[in-house]
N, C-alpha and C. Protein backbone atom coordinates (compact mmCIF):
# COMPACT_ATOMS: atom_id res chain seq x y z
N UNK A 1 -58.86 20.72 -64.28
CA UNK A 1 -57.64 21.57 -64.29
C UNK A 1 -57.33 21.78 -62.50
N UNK A 2 -56.39 21.14 -62.14
CA UNK A 2 -56.20 21.85 -60.69
C UNK A 2 -56.58 23.36 -60.28
N UNK A 3 -56.36 23.33 -58.86
CA UNK A 3 -56.28 25.02 -58.14
C UNK A 3 -55.40 25.82 -59.24
N UNK A 4 -53.98 25.00 -59.60
CA UNK A 4 -52.75 25.65 -59.90
C UNK A 4 -53.22 26.21 -61.34
N UNK A 5 -54.31 25.78 -62.14
CA UNK A 5 -54.81 25.58 -63.76
C UNK A 5 -53.93 24.83 -64.36
N UNK A 6 -53.13 23.74 -63.82
CA UNK A 6 -52.81 22.84 -64.43
C UNK A 6 -53.54 21.62 -64.51
N UNK A 7 -53.48 20.95 -65.77
CA UNK A 7 -54.13 19.71 -66.36
C UNK A 7 -54.05 18.80 -65.56
N UNK A 8 -55.16 18.27 -64.96
CA UNK A 8 -55.06 16.66 -63.80
C UNK A 8 -54.66 15.61 -65.00
N UNK A 9 -52.95 14.79 -65.41
CA UNK A 9 -52.93 14.25 -65.90
C UNK A 9 -52.69 12.85 -65.41
N UNK A 10 -53.32 11.27 -65.51
CA UNK A 10 -52.67 10.40 -64.86
C UNK A 10 -52.44 9.10 -65.75
N UNK A 11 -51.55 8.65 -65.98
CA UNK A 11 -50.36 7.40 -66.87
C UNK A 11 -50.95 6.50 -65.88
N UNK A 12 -51.54 5.63 -67.02
CA UNK A 12 -52.07 4.36 -66.46
C UNK A 12 -50.86 3.09 -67.14
N UNK A 13 -49.86 2.67 -66.57
CA UNK A 13 -48.74 2.20 -67.24
C UNK A 13 -48.68 0.55 -66.71
N UNK A 14 -48.07 0.20 -67.84
CA UNK A 14 -47.32 -1.37 -67.11
C UNK A 14 -46.50 -1.04 -66.32
N UNK A 15 -46.77 -2.13 -65.11
CA UNK A 15 -45.86 -1.94 -63.72
C UNK A 15 -43.95 -2.37 -64.24
N UNK A 16 -43.91 -3.08 -66.18
CA UNK A 16 -42.73 -3.67 -66.03
C UNK A 16 -41.82 -2.33 -66.28
N UNK A 17 -42.54 -1.10 -66.78
CA UNK A 17 -41.64 -0.03 -66.88
C UNK A 17 -41.71 1.51 -66.18
N UNK A 18 -43.01 1.29 -64.86
CA UNK A 18 -42.27 2.12 -63.88
C UNK A 18 -41.20 2.89 -63.68
N UNK A 19 -40.11 2.07 -63.67
CA UNK A 19 -38.91 2.74 -63.11
C UNK A 19 -38.97 3.92 -64.27
N UNK A 20 -38.68 3.34 -65.23
CA UNK A 20 -38.32 4.32 -66.87
C UNK A 20 -39.47 5.54 -67.08
N UNK A 21 -40.49 5.20 -66.94
CA UNK A 21 -41.37 6.30 -66.13
C UNK A 21 -41.27 7.11 -65.02
N UNK A 22 -40.74 6.53 -64.08
CA UNK A 22 -40.65 7.51 -62.73
C UNK A 22 -39.25 8.37 -63.20
N UNK A 23 -38.52 7.96 -63.81
CA UNK A 23 -37.09 8.52 -63.97
C UNK A 23 -37.86 9.76 -64.77
N UNK A 24 -38.02 9.01 -66.18
CA UNK A 24 -38.38 10.45 -66.50
C UNK A 24 -39.57 11.45 -66.87
N UNK A 25 -40.26 11.12 -65.37
CA UNK A 25 -41.24 12.47 -64.85
C UNK A 25 -39.89 12.90 -64.10
N UNK A 26 -39.23 12.70 -63.90
CA UNK A 26 -38.38 13.32 -63.06
C UNK A 26 -37.26 14.46 -63.53
N UNK A 27 -36.37 13.81 -65.00
CA UNK A 27 -35.92 14.28 -65.55
C UNK A 27 -36.28 15.75 -66.10
N UNK A 28 -38.15 15.54 -66.81
CA UNK A 28 -38.78 16.32 -67.07
C UNK A 28 -39.67 17.02 -66.13
N UNK A 29 -38.92 17.34 -65.10
CA UNK A 29 -39.83 17.86 -64.07
C UNK A 29 -41.61 17.92 -64.46
N UNK A 30 -41.82 17.10 -64.03
CA UNK A 30 -43.45 16.77 -64.23
C UNK A 30 -44.05 15.80 -63.15
N UNK A 31 -44.17 16.48 -62.25
CA UNK A 31 -44.49 16.18 -60.94
C UNK A 31 -46.06 15.65 -60.72
N UNK A 32 -46.18 17.25 -61.55
CA UNK A 32 -48.13 17.54 -61.79
C UNK A 32 -48.35 15.94 -62.20
N UNK A 33 -47.77 14.78 -63.11
CA UNK A 33 -48.17 13.76 -63.71
C UNK A 33 -48.60 12.90 -62.98
N UNK A 34 -49.76 12.06 -62.50
CA UNK A 34 -49.80 11.10 -61.47
C UNK A 34 -49.49 9.98 -62.52
N UNK A 35 -49.09 8.69 -61.28
CA UNK A 35 -47.83 7.58 -62.46
C UNK A 35 -49.23 6.28 -61.39
N UNK A 36 -50.07 5.61 -62.38
CA UNK A 36 -50.73 4.37 -61.89
C UNK A 36 -50.14 2.69 -62.73
N UNK A 37 -49.80 2.16 -61.63
CA UNK A 37 -49.17 0.66 -62.27
C UNK A 37 -50.05 -0.48 -62.30
N UNK A 38 -50.29 -1.20 -63.50
CA UNK A 38 -50.72 -2.16 -63.07
C UNK A 38 -49.35 -2.99 -63.19
N UNK A 39 -50.03 -3.99 -62.90
CA UNK A 39 -48.75 -5.70 -61.83
C UNK A 39 -48.75 -6.08 -63.45
N UNK A 40 -46.97 -6.46 -63.41
CA UNK A 40 -46.88 -6.94 -64.76
C UNK A 40 -46.71 -8.02 -64.99
N UNK A 41 -47.00 -8.49 -64.06
CA UNK A 41 -47.11 -10.24 -64.26
C UNK A 41 -48.92 -10.50 -65.14
N UNK A 42 -48.94 -9.48 -65.55
CA UNK A 42 -50.16 -9.42 -65.97
C UNK A 42 -50.16 -9.53 -67.94
N UNK A 43 -48.88 -9.71 -67.89
CA UNK A 43 -48.19 -10.18 -69.63
C UNK A 43 -48.33 -11.44 -69.81
N UNK A 44 -48.57 -12.06 -68.65
CA UNK A 44 -48.88 -13.50 -68.27
C UNK A 44 -49.66 -13.80 -68.80
N UNK A 45 -51.05 -12.91 -68.70
CA UNK A 45 -52.69 -13.15 -69.16
C UNK A 45 -53.29 -12.07 -70.00
N UNK A 46 -52.20 -11.77 -71.39
CA UNK A 46 -52.40 -10.64 -72.02
C UNK A 46 -53.82 -10.47 -72.30
N UNK A 47 -54.78 -10.97 -71.98
CA UNK A 47 -56.22 -11.51 -72.54
C UNK A 47 -57.08 -10.38 -70.99
N UNK A 48 -56.26 -9.98 -69.68
CA UNK A 48 -56.67 -9.62 -69.25
C UNK A 48 -56.34 -8.23 -69.01
N UNK A 49 -55.15 -7.72 -69.69
CA UNK A 49 -54.74 -6.39 -69.64
C UNK A 49 -55.76 -5.11 -70.30
N UNK A 50 -56.66 -5.58 -71.27
CA UNK A 50 -57.40 -4.98 -71.46
C UNK A 50 -58.89 -4.29 -70.73
N UNK A 51 -59.25 -5.15 -70.08
CA UNK A 51 -60.36 -5.08 -68.60
C UNK A 51 -59.65 -4.11 -67.93
N UNK A 52 -58.24 -4.76 -67.50
CA UNK A 52 -57.65 -3.83 -66.37
C UNK A 52 -57.24 -2.14 -66.17
N UNK A 53 -56.99 -2.20 -67.76
CA UNK A 53 -56.81 -0.90 -68.10
C UNK A 53 -58.12 -0.09 -68.19
N UNK A 54 -59.08 -0.55 -68.50
CA UNK A 54 -60.57 0.05 -68.56
C UNK A 54 -61.12 0.74 -67.05
N UNK A 55 -60.87 -1.12 -66.20
CA UNK A 55 -61.00 -0.22 -64.95
C UNK A 55 -60.40 1.16 -64.71
N UNK A 56 -58.94 1.37 -64.52
CA UNK A 56 -58.57 2.45 -64.38
C UNK A 56 -58.97 3.61 -65.17
N UNK A 57 -59.49 3.39 -66.26
CA UNK A 57 -59.74 4.55 -67.17
C UNK A 57 -60.68 5.36 -66.08
N UNK A 58 -61.95 4.22 -65.94
CA UNK A 58 -62.93 4.77 -65.32
C UNK A 58 -62.50 5.41 -63.94
N UNK A 59 -61.62 4.54 -63.36
CA UNK A 59 -61.65 5.46 -62.09
C UNK A 59 -60.94 6.65 -61.93
N UNK A 60 -60.07 7.08 -63.33
CA UNK A 60 -59.54 8.40 -63.41
C UNK A 60 -60.20 9.20 -63.42
N UNK A 61 -61.28 8.87 -64.45
CA UNK A 61 -62.04 10.17 -65.23
C UNK A 61 -63.11 10.34 -63.46
N UNK A 62 -63.34 9.37 -62.82
CA UNK A 62 -64.22 9.31 -61.55
C UNK A 62 -63.53 10.38 -60.63
N UNK A 63 -61.99 10.37 -60.69
CA UNK A 63 -61.13 11.47 -59.92
C UNK A 63 -61.23 12.38 -60.41
N UNK A 64 -61.62 12.74 -61.36
CA UNK A 64 -61.38 13.93 -61.87
C UNK A 64 -60.06 14.42 -63.39
N UNK A 65 -59.41 12.85 -63.42
CA UNK A 65 -58.84 13.48 -64.45
C UNK A 65 -58.41 13.65 -65.92
N UNK A 66 -58.46 15.01 -66.31
CA UNK A 66 -59.10 15.41 -67.70
C UNK A 66 -58.25 14.76 -68.42
N UNK A 67 -56.87 14.62 -68.10
CA UNK A 67 -56.31 13.61 -69.29
C UNK A 67 -55.65 12.21 -69.00
N UNK A 68 -56.08 11.14 -69.63
CA UNK A 68 -55.64 9.84 -69.61
C UNK A 68 -54.42 9.05 -70.23
N UNK A 69 -53.56 8.82 -70.08
CA UNK A 69 -52.77 8.39 -71.17
C UNK A 69 -52.08 6.73 -70.90
N UNK A 70 -52.39 5.84 -71.71
CA UNK A 70 -51.83 4.59 -71.40
C UNK A 70 -50.75 4.12 -71.87
N UNK A 71 -49.91 4.09 -71.07
CA UNK A 71 -48.92 3.67 -71.06
C UNK A 71 -48.48 2.20 -71.48
N UNK A 72 -49.14 1.59 -72.11
CA UNK A 72 -48.69 -0.07 -73.04
C UNK A 72 -49.12 0.03 -74.27
N UNK A 73 -48.09 -0.82 -74.86
CA UNK A 73 -48.32 -1.01 -76.04
C UNK A 73 -48.99 -2.05 -76.46
N UNK A 74 -49.43 -2.68 -77.53
CA UNK A 74 -50.37 -3.69 -77.70
C UNK A 74 -49.85 -5.07 -76.85
N UNK A 75 -49.12 -5.02 -76.65
CA UNK A 75 -48.54 -6.28 -75.40
C UNK A 75 -49.86 -7.38 -75.55
N UNK A 76 -49.61 -7.87 -76.80
CA UNK A 76 -50.35 -9.11 -76.72
C UNK A 76 -51.80 -9.06 -76.66
N UNK A 77 -52.68 -7.94 -76.81
CA UNK A 77 -53.75 -7.74 -76.43
C UNK A 77 -54.31 -8.27 -77.79
N UNK A 78 -54.05 -8.73 -79.10
CA UNK A 78 -54.48 -8.61 -80.40
C UNK A 78 -55.74 -7.72 -80.38
N UNK A 79 -55.01 -6.00 -80.44
CA UNK A 79 -55.88 -5.16 -80.67
C UNK A 79 -57.17 -4.84 -79.68
N UNK A 80 -57.67 -5.98 -78.37
CA UNK A 80 -58.32 -5.17 -78.17
C UNK A 80 -58.25 -4.32 -76.73
N UNK A 81 -56.89 -3.58 -76.64
CA UNK A 81 -56.82 -2.87 -75.83
C UNK A 81 -56.71 -1.53 -76.71
N UNK A 82 -56.48 -1.53 -78.08
CA UNK A 82 -57.09 -0.17 -78.34
C UNK A 82 -58.57 -0.07 -79.13
N UNK A 83 -59.26 -1.15 -78.70
CA UNK A 83 -60.85 -0.79 -78.47
C UNK A 83 -61.20 0.04 -77.36
N UNK A 84 -60.23 -0.07 -76.39
CA UNK A 84 -60.71 0.36 -74.83
C UNK A 84 -60.24 1.92 -75.03
N UNK A 85 -58.88 1.90 -75.66
CA UNK A 85 -58.72 3.40 -75.78
C UNK A 85 -59.82 4.42 -76.41
N UNK A 86 -59.88 3.51 -77.96
CA UNK A 86 -61.03 3.98 -78.41
C UNK A 86 -61.93 4.16 -78.07
N UNK A 87 -62.91 3.63 -77.16
CA UNK A 87 -63.74 3.39 -76.50
C UNK A 87 -64.08 4.99 -75.37
N UNK A 88 -62.65 4.97 -74.59
CA UNK A 88 -62.73 5.97 -74.21
C UNK A 88 -62.00 7.25 -74.58
N UNK A 89 -61.86 7.50 -75.90
CA UNK A 89 -61.13 8.95 -76.43
C UNK A 89 -59.40 8.60 -75.79
N UNK A 90 -58.73 7.60 -75.56
CA UNK A 90 -57.66 8.32 -74.51
C UNK A 90 -56.34 7.31 -75.75
N UNK A 91 -55.64 7.49 -75.49
CA UNK A 91 -54.34 7.11 -76.54
C UNK A 91 -53.13 6.08 -75.60
N UNK A 92 -52.65 5.60 -76.58
CA UNK A 92 -51.31 4.61 -76.00
C UNK A 92 -50.31 4.81 -76.86
N UNK A 93 -49.27 4.37 -75.95
CA UNK A 93 -47.59 4.76 -76.61
C UNK A 93 -47.87 3.52 -78.08
N UNK A 94 -47.45 4.21 -79.50
CA UNK A 94 -47.47 3.65 -80.42
C UNK A 94 -46.54 1.71 -79.99
N UNK A 95 -46.88 0.68 -81.03
CA UNK A 95 -46.17 -0.23 -81.21
C UNK A 95 -46.57 -1.75 -80.41
N UNK A 96 -46.09 -2.47 -81.08
CA UNK A 96 -46.88 -4.26 -80.37
C UNK A 96 -46.34 -4.73 -79.27
N UNK A 97 -45.39 -3.96 -78.62
CA UNK A 97 -44.52 -4.15 -77.32
C UNK A 97 -43.46 -3.23 -76.72
N UNK A 98 -42.80 -3.20 -75.70
CA UNK A 98 -42.44 -2.22 -75.33
C UNK A 98 -40.98 -2.74 -76.10
N UNK A 99 -40.39 -3.65 -76.43
CA UNK A 99 -39.06 -4.04 -77.26
C UNK A 99 -39.22 -3.02 -78.39
N UNK A 100 -40.20 -3.16 -79.02
CA UNK A 100 -40.14 -2.61 -79.99
C UNK A 100 -40.03 -0.36 -80.23
N UNK A 101 -40.98 0.04 -78.79
CA UNK A 101 -40.45 1.19 -78.75
C UNK A 101 -39.43 1.57 -77.79
N UNK A 102 -38.96 0.91 -76.75
CA UNK A 102 -37.71 1.18 -76.65
C UNK A 102 -36.09 1.00 -77.51
N UNK A 103 -36.44 0.30 -78.89
CA UNK A 103 -36.15 0.51 -79.77
C UNK A 103 -36.06 1.47 -80.28
N UNK A 104 -37.51 1.92 -80.72
CA UNK A 104 -37.87 2.70 -81.74
C UNK A 104 -38.41 1.99 -82.69
N UNK A 105 -39.80 2.32 -82.58
CA UNK A 105 -40.73 1.27 -83.38
C UNK A 105 -40.06 1.61 -84.97
N UNK A 106 -40.34 3.01 -85.19
CA UNK A 106 -39.47 2.78 -86.67
C UNK A 106 -37.95 1.93 -87.02
N UNK A 107 -37.15 1.45 -86.24
CA UNK A 107 -35.97 1.08 -86.43
C UNK A 107 -36.58 -0.30 -86.13
N UNK A 108 -37.06 -1.04 -85.25
CA UNK A 108 -38.04 -2.20 -84.64
C UNK A 108 -38.67 -2.68 -86.09
N UNK A 109 -38.94 -1.85 -86.55
CA UNK A 109 -40.44 -2.38 -87.91
C UNK A 109 -38.70 -2.61 -89.22
N UNK A 110 -38.25 -1.41 -89.38
CA UNK A 110 -36.92 -1.62 -90.68
C UNK A 110 -36.26 -3.32 -90.72
N UNK A 111 -36.27 -3.44 -88.99
CA UNK A 111 -35.24 -4.84 -88.50
C UNK A 111 -36.31 -5.65 -89.42
N UNK A 112 -36.77 -6.01 -88.75
CA UNK A 112 -38.45 -7.30 -89.26
C UNK A 112 -37.75 -8.29 -89.36
N UNK A 113 -37.74 -9.34 -90.30
CA UNK A 113 -37.30 -10.73 -89.99
C UNK A 113 -36.04 -11.16 -89.12
N UNK A 114 -35.31 -9.48 -89.07
CA UNK A 114 -34.62 -10.16 -88.46
C UNK A 114 -34.34 -9.99 -86.88
N UNK A 115 -35.60 -10.09 -86.31
CA UNK A 115 -36.23 -10.18 -85.09
C UNK A 115 -36.86 -11.46 -84.56
N UNK A 116 -36.73 -12.39 -85.66
CA UNK A 116 -37.82 -13.45 -85.56
C UNK A 116 -37.66 -14.45 -85.00
N UNK A 117 -35.80 -14.83 -84.72
CA UNK A 117 -35.34 -15.62 -84.04
C UNK A 117 -34.46 -14.99 -83.07
N UNK A 118 -35.00 -14.06 -82.17
CA UNK A 118 -34.44 -12.98 -81.26
C UNK A 118 -35.38 -12.96 -79.62
N UNK A 119 -35.00 -13.60 -78.66
CA UNK A 119 -35.30 -13.29 -77.83
C UNK A 119 -34.64 -11.84 -76.99
N UNK A 120 -36.00 -10.84 -76.17
CA UNK A 120 -35.39 -10.15 -76.32
C UNK A 120 -35.47 -9.65 -74.91
N UNK A 121 -34.67 -9.18 -74.16
CA UNK A 121 -35.31 -8.79 -72.61
C UNK A 121 -34.24 -6.78 -72.07
N UNK A 122 -35.17 -6.22 -71.20
CA UNK A 122 -34.86 -5.25 -71.03
C UNK A 122 -34.84 -5.14 -69.27
N UNK A 123 -34.74 -4.17 -69.26
CA UNK A 123 -33.98 -3.56 -67.76
C UNK A 123 -34.58 -4.50 -66.72
N UNK A 124 -36.40 -4.75 -66.76
CA UNK A 124 -37.18 -5.04 -66.34
C UNK A 124 -36.86 -6.76 -65.78
N UNK A 125 -36.56 -7.18 -67.19
CA UNK A 125 -36.83 -8.79 -67.57
C UNK A 125 -35.36 -9.35 -67.07
N UNK A 126 -34.19 -8.14 -67.18
CA UNK A 126 -33.02 -8.80 -66.44
C UNK A 126 -32.69 -8.80 -65.38
N UNK A 127 -33.76 -7.74 -64.50
CA UNK A 127 -33.96 -7.59 -63.26
C UNK A 127 -34.57 -8.44 -62.59
N UNK A 128 -35.98 -9.25 -63.03
CA UNK A 128 -36.60 -10.32 -63.03
C UNK A 128 -36.88 -11.68 -63.69
N UNK A 129 -35.45 -11.93 -64.03
CA UNK A 129 -35.53 -12.98 -65.51
C UNK A 129 -36.07 -14.37 -64.64
N UNK A 130 -35.62 -14.69 -63.51
CA UNK A 130 -36.44 -15.68 -62.78
C UNK A 130 -37.78 -15.98 -62.41
N UNK A 131 -38.51 -14.27 -61.96
CA UNK A 131 -39.80 -14.40 -61.48
C UNK A 131 -40.46 -14.28 -62.93
N UNK A 132 -40.26 -13.73 -63.78
CA UNK A 132 -41.18 -14.08 -65.20
C UNK A 132 -40.78 -14.76 -65.83
N UNK A 133 -39.49 -15.27 -66.09
CA UNK A 133 -39.09 -16.53 -66.98
C UNK A 133 -39.05 -17.83 -66.72
N UNK A 134 -38.22 -18.00 -65.71
CA UNK A 134 -37.79 -18.95 -65.19
C UNK A 134 -38.58 -19.91 -64.79
N UNK A 135 -39.25 -19.40 -63.43
CA UNK A 135 -40.29 -19.96 -62.73
C UNK A 135 -41.50 -20.55 -63.51
N UNK A 136 -42.26 -19.18 -64.18
CA UNK A 136 -43.36 -19.24 -64.87
C UNK A 136 -43.17 -20.50 -65.62
N UNK A 137 -42.45 -20.93 -66.32
CA UNK A 137 -41.87 -21.56 -67.69
C UNK A 137 -41.86 -22.82 -66.85
N UNK A 138 -41.52 -23.15 -65.59
CA UNK A 138 -40.85 -24.36 -65.10
C UNK A 138 -39.48 -24.58 -65.55
N UNK A 139 -38.72 -24.33 -65.87
CA UNK A 139 -37.17 -24.40 -66.03
C UNK A 139 -36.37 -24.80 -64.87
N UNK A 140 -37.09 -23.48 -63.80
CA UNK A 140 -36.21 -24.50 -62.19
C UNK A 140 -36.10 -25.86 -62.24
N UNK A 141 -37.24 -26.23 -62.84
CA UNK A 141 -37.87 -27.64 -62.05
C UNK A 141 -37.81 -28.50 -63.08
N UNK A 142 -37.48 -28.41 -64.53
CA UNK A 142 -37.71 -28.98 -65.61
C UNK A 142 -36.85 -28.31 -66.87
N UNK A 143 -35.71 -28.47 -66.46
CA UNK A 143 -34.64 -27.83 -67.21
C UNK A 143 -34.45 -28.32 -68.52
N UNK A 144 -35.33 -29.27 -69.01
CA UNK A 144 -34.83 -30.19 -69.99
C UNK A 144 -35.82 -29.27 -71.10
N UNK A 145 -36.97 -28.87 -70.81
CA UNK A 145 -37.86 -27.62 -71.32
C UNK A 145 -37.42 -26.44 -72.14
N UNK A 146 -36.37 -26.40 -71.55
CA UNK A 146 -35.55 -25.17 -72.43
C UNK A 146 -35.50 -25.12 -73.99
N UNK A 147 -35.27 -26.43 -74.21
CA UNK A 147 -35.17 -26.31 -76.21
C UNK A 147 -36.45 -26.44 -76.43
N UNK A 148 -37.44 -26.80 -75.70
CA UNK A 148 -38.84 -26.95 -76.04
C UNK A 148 -39.12 -25.44 -76.35
N UNK A 149 -39.54 -24.82 -75.79
CA UNK A 149 -39.33 -23.29 -75.14
C UNK A 149 -38.63 -22.02 -76.33
N UNK A 150 -36.92 -22.25 -76.53
CA UNK A 150 -36.34 -21.73 -76.62
C UNK A 150 -35.07 -22.23 -78.60
N UNK A 151 -35.90 -23.46 -78.42
CA UNK A 151 -35.14 -24.21 -80.12
C UNK A 151 -35.41 -23.34 -80.95
N UNK A 152 -36.27 -22.76 -81.30
CA UNK A 152 -36.20 -21.70 -82.54
C UNK A 152 -35.34 -20.37 -82.21
N UNK A 153 -34.89 -20.09 -81.04
CA UNK A 153 -33.88 -18.45 -81.04
C UNK A 153 -32.72 -18.81 -81.53
N UNK A 154 -32.34 -18.11 -81.77
CA UNK A 154 -30.31 -17.87 -81.85
C UNK A 154 -29.63 -16.72 -81.14
N UNK A 155 -30.38 -15.60 -80.67
CA UNK A 155 -29.93 -15.35 -79.49
C UNK A 155 -30.94 -14.16 -78.53
N UNK A 156 -30.43 -13.61 -77.44
CA UNK A 156 -30.84 -12.83 -76.67
C UNK A 156 -30.19 -11.68 -76.70
N UNK A 157 -31.24 -10.30 -77.09
CA UNK A 157 -30.62 -9.39 -77.38
C UNK A 157 -30.82 -8.10 -76.00
N UNK A 158 -30.05 -7.88 -75.18
CA UNK A 158 -30.34 -7.16 -74.11
C UNK A 158 -30.73 -5.40 -74.93
N UNK A 159 -31.84 -5.20 -74.24
CA UNK A 159 -32.48 -3.88 -74.95
C UNK A 159 -32.22 -3.42 -73.56
N UNK A 160 -30.84 -2.75 -73.24
CA UNK A 160 -30.84 -1.60 -72.04
C UNK A 160 -31.27 -0.10 -72.04
N UNK A 161 -31.92 0.24 -71.29
CA UNK A 161 -31.76 1.59 -70.36
C UNK A 161 -31.23 2.18 -70.01
N UNK A 162 -30.38 1.30 -68.79
CA UNK A 162 -29.70 2.64 -68.31
C UNK A 162 -28.02 1.56 -68.38
N UNK A 163 -26.89 2.21 -67.71
CA UNK A 163 -25.96 1.25 -67.81
C UNK A 163 -25.92 0.87 -66.06
N UNK A 164 -25.78 -0.52 -66.58
CA UNK A 164 -25.96 -1.26 -64.96
C UNK A 164 -25.34 -2.36 -65.72
N UNK A 165 -23.86 -2.27 -64.62
CA UNK A 165 -23.13 -3.62 -65.00
C UNK A 165 -23.81 -5.05 -64.51
N UNK A 166 -24.45 -4.84 -63.01
CA UNK A 166 -25.42 -5.70 -62.41
C UNK A 166 -26.04 -6.65 -63.99
N UNK A 167 -26.89 -5.66 -63.90
CA UNK A 167 -28.00 -5.87 -65.15
C UNK A 167 -27.09 -6.57 -66.06
N UNK A 168 -26.15 -5.75 -66.99
CA UNK A 168 -25.57 -6.58 -67.53
C UNK A 168 -25.37 -7.93 -67.57
N UNK A 169 -24.45 -8.11 -66.43
CA UNK A 169 -24.29 -9.85 -65.73
C UNK A 169 -25.39 -10.52 -65.71
N UNK A 170 -26.57 -10.28 -65.46
CA UNK A 170 -27.93 -10.96 -64.97
C UNK A 170 -28.30 -11.63 -66.35
N UNK A 171 -27.84 -10.03 -67.89
CA UNK A 171 -28.38 -10.64 -68.67
C UNK A 171 -27.80 -12.17 -69.72
N UNK A 172 -26.28 -11.88 -69.36
CA UNK A 172 -25.68 -12.33 -69.54
C UNK A 172 -25.67 -13.91 -69.33
N UNK A 173 -26.06 -14.19 -67.93
CA UNK A 173 -26.55 -15.24 -67.29
C UNK A 173 -27.58 -15.70 -68.12
N UNK A 174 -29.01 -15.00 -68.41
CA UNK A 174 -30.18 -15.40 -68.79
C UNK A 174 -29.78 -16.04 -69.97
N UNK A 175 -28.55 -15.33 -70.90
CA UNK A 175 -28.62 -15.76 -72.28
C UNK A 175 -27.71 -16.96 -71.87
N UNK A 176 -26.61 -17.41 -71.09
CA UNK A 176 -26.49 -18.63 -70.81
C UNK A 176 -27.40 -19.74 -70.76
N UNK A 177 -28.33 -19.24 -69.55
CA UNK A 177 -29.23 -20.22 -69.42
C UNK A 177 -30.17 -21.04 -70.16
N UNK A 178 -30.74 -20.09 -71.17
CA UNK A 178 -31.13 -20.24 -72.41
C UNK A 178 -30.29 -20.95 -73.44
N UNK A 179 -29.14 -21.09 -73.68
CA UNK A 179 -27.83 -21.29 -74.40
C UNK A 179 -28.48 -20.81 -75.70
N UNK A 180 -28.34 -19.53 -75.64
CA UNK A 180 -28.46 -18.10 -77.21
C UNK A 180 -27.20 -17.25 -76.94
N UNK A 181 -26.86 -17.13 -78.04
CA UNK A 181 -25.99 -16.16 -78.38
C UNK A 181 -26.26 -14.73 -77.32
N UNK A 182 -25.54 -14.36 -76.83
CA UNK A 182 -25.84 -12.75 -76.23
C UNK A 182 -24.98 -11.27 -77.05
N UNK A 183 -26.63 -10.63 -76.94
CA UNK A 183 -25.98 -9.17 -77.48
C UNK A 183 -26.57 -8.22 -77.16
N UNK A 184 -26.17 -7.17 -76.33
CA UNK A 184 -26.41 -5.97 -75.57
C UNK A 184 -26.48 -4.66 -76.53
N UNK A 185 -27.73 -4.16 -76.50
CA UNK A 185 -27.89 -2.89 -77.26
C UNK A 185 -28.23 -1.71 -75.96
N UNK A 186 -27.52 -0.57 -76.23
CA UNK A 186 -27.91 0.65 -75.42
C UNK A 186 -28.97 1.38 -76.00
N UNK A 187 -29.84 1.35 -75.79
CA UNK A 187 -31.50 2.18 -76.40
C UNK A 187 -31.82 3.10 -75.52
N UNK A 188 -31.55 3.52 -74.21
CA UNK A 188 -32.02 4.46 -73.82
C UNK A 188 -33.80 4.05 -73.40
N UNK A 189 -33.84 5.44 -73.24
CA UNK A 189 -35.85 5.01 -73.42
C UNK A 189 -36.49 4.80 -74.47
N UNK A 190 -35.76 4.89 -75.40
CA UNK A 190 -36.35 5.12 -76.85
C UNK A 190 -37.42 5.79 -77.17
N UNK A 191 -38.78 5.14 -77.64
CA UNK A 191 -39.82 6.02 -77.58
C UNK A 191 -40.37 6.57 -76.97
N UNK A 192 -40.26 5.69 -75.37
CA UNK A 192 -40.90 6.53 -74.40
C UNK A 192 -40.71 8.10 -74.09
N UNK A 193 -39.25 8.07 -74.23
CA UNK A 193 -39.02 9.79 -73.46
C UNK A 193 -39.80 11.24 -74.40
N UNK A 194 -39.54 10.71 -75.83
CA UNK A 194 -40.62 11.70 -76.17
C UNK A 194 -41.70 11.31 -75.90
N UNK A 195 -42.74 10.47 -75.68
CA UNK A 195 -43.96 10.50 -75.56
C UNK A 195 -44.29 11.47 -74.24
N UNK A 196 -42.67 11.09 -73.24
CA UNK A 196 -43.48 11.70 -71.82
C UNK A 196 -43.63 13.10 -71.60
N UNK A 197 -42.28 13.70 -72.81
CA UNK A 197 -41.62 14.91 -72.99
C UNK A 197 -43.07 15.55 -73.34
N UNK A 198 -43.36 14.78 -74.66
CA UNK A 198 -44.64 15.26 -75.24
C UNK A 198 -45.99 15.82 -74.52
N UNK A 199 -45.84 14.22 -73.50
CA UNK A 199 -47.43 14.36 -72.35
C UNK A 199 -47.22 15.70 -71.60
N UNK A 200 -46.33 16.05 -70.72
CA UNK A 200 -45.84 16.67 -70.39
C UNK A 200 -46.09 18.27 -70.94
N UNK A 201 -45.69 18.61 -72.30
CA UNK A 201 -46.18 19.98 -72.37
C UNK A 201 -48.18 20.62 -73.15
N UNK A 202 -48.43 19.11 -72.47
CA UNK A 202 -50.06 19.16 -72.50
C UNK A 202 -50.77 19.32 -71.26
N UNK A 203 -49.79 19.54 -69.77
CA UNK A 203 -50.09 20.28 -68.72
C UNK A 203 -49.91 21.74 -67.98
């Protein structure tokens, strides 16, 4: 507890959802919750996520935060992030990845096989498509690799957190570059919204 009697809470989050968490904290007047973010580029090396999260948990505990929440889904860690959460008795947002919790985990799971040939974008990925997809995969230098990476996909679905015509345009361009059918779905913040709201009730 701080001097005002408010529980000290820190969210350890993926940098790819920083904007969304900041917006939700502001919308819910949760200025007492502190946010720290790990680099979004860790998603290119998910095996590094658990150890980085563990380091941040230890640091938060050393700094006196009584509650720590992990704003990551499994994110390709193969259950290893859950082992870290269990080790320190902290929770993470439910779901296999952010596409699921933005869409709503129940909805994503119900759709099941419909997602097998779908490539997803979020606001973050629409904004950072070149930095996180085009250049790391070498598509800017070797466009012929496109079909090797994306030949089994049929459509690109942009899960939009906000109403933003510029991001809509970028997402459409990304679909065109990958040779995929384009679909836009307005999801808002999905399950992340209720997570942040509920977290605020504990402080």
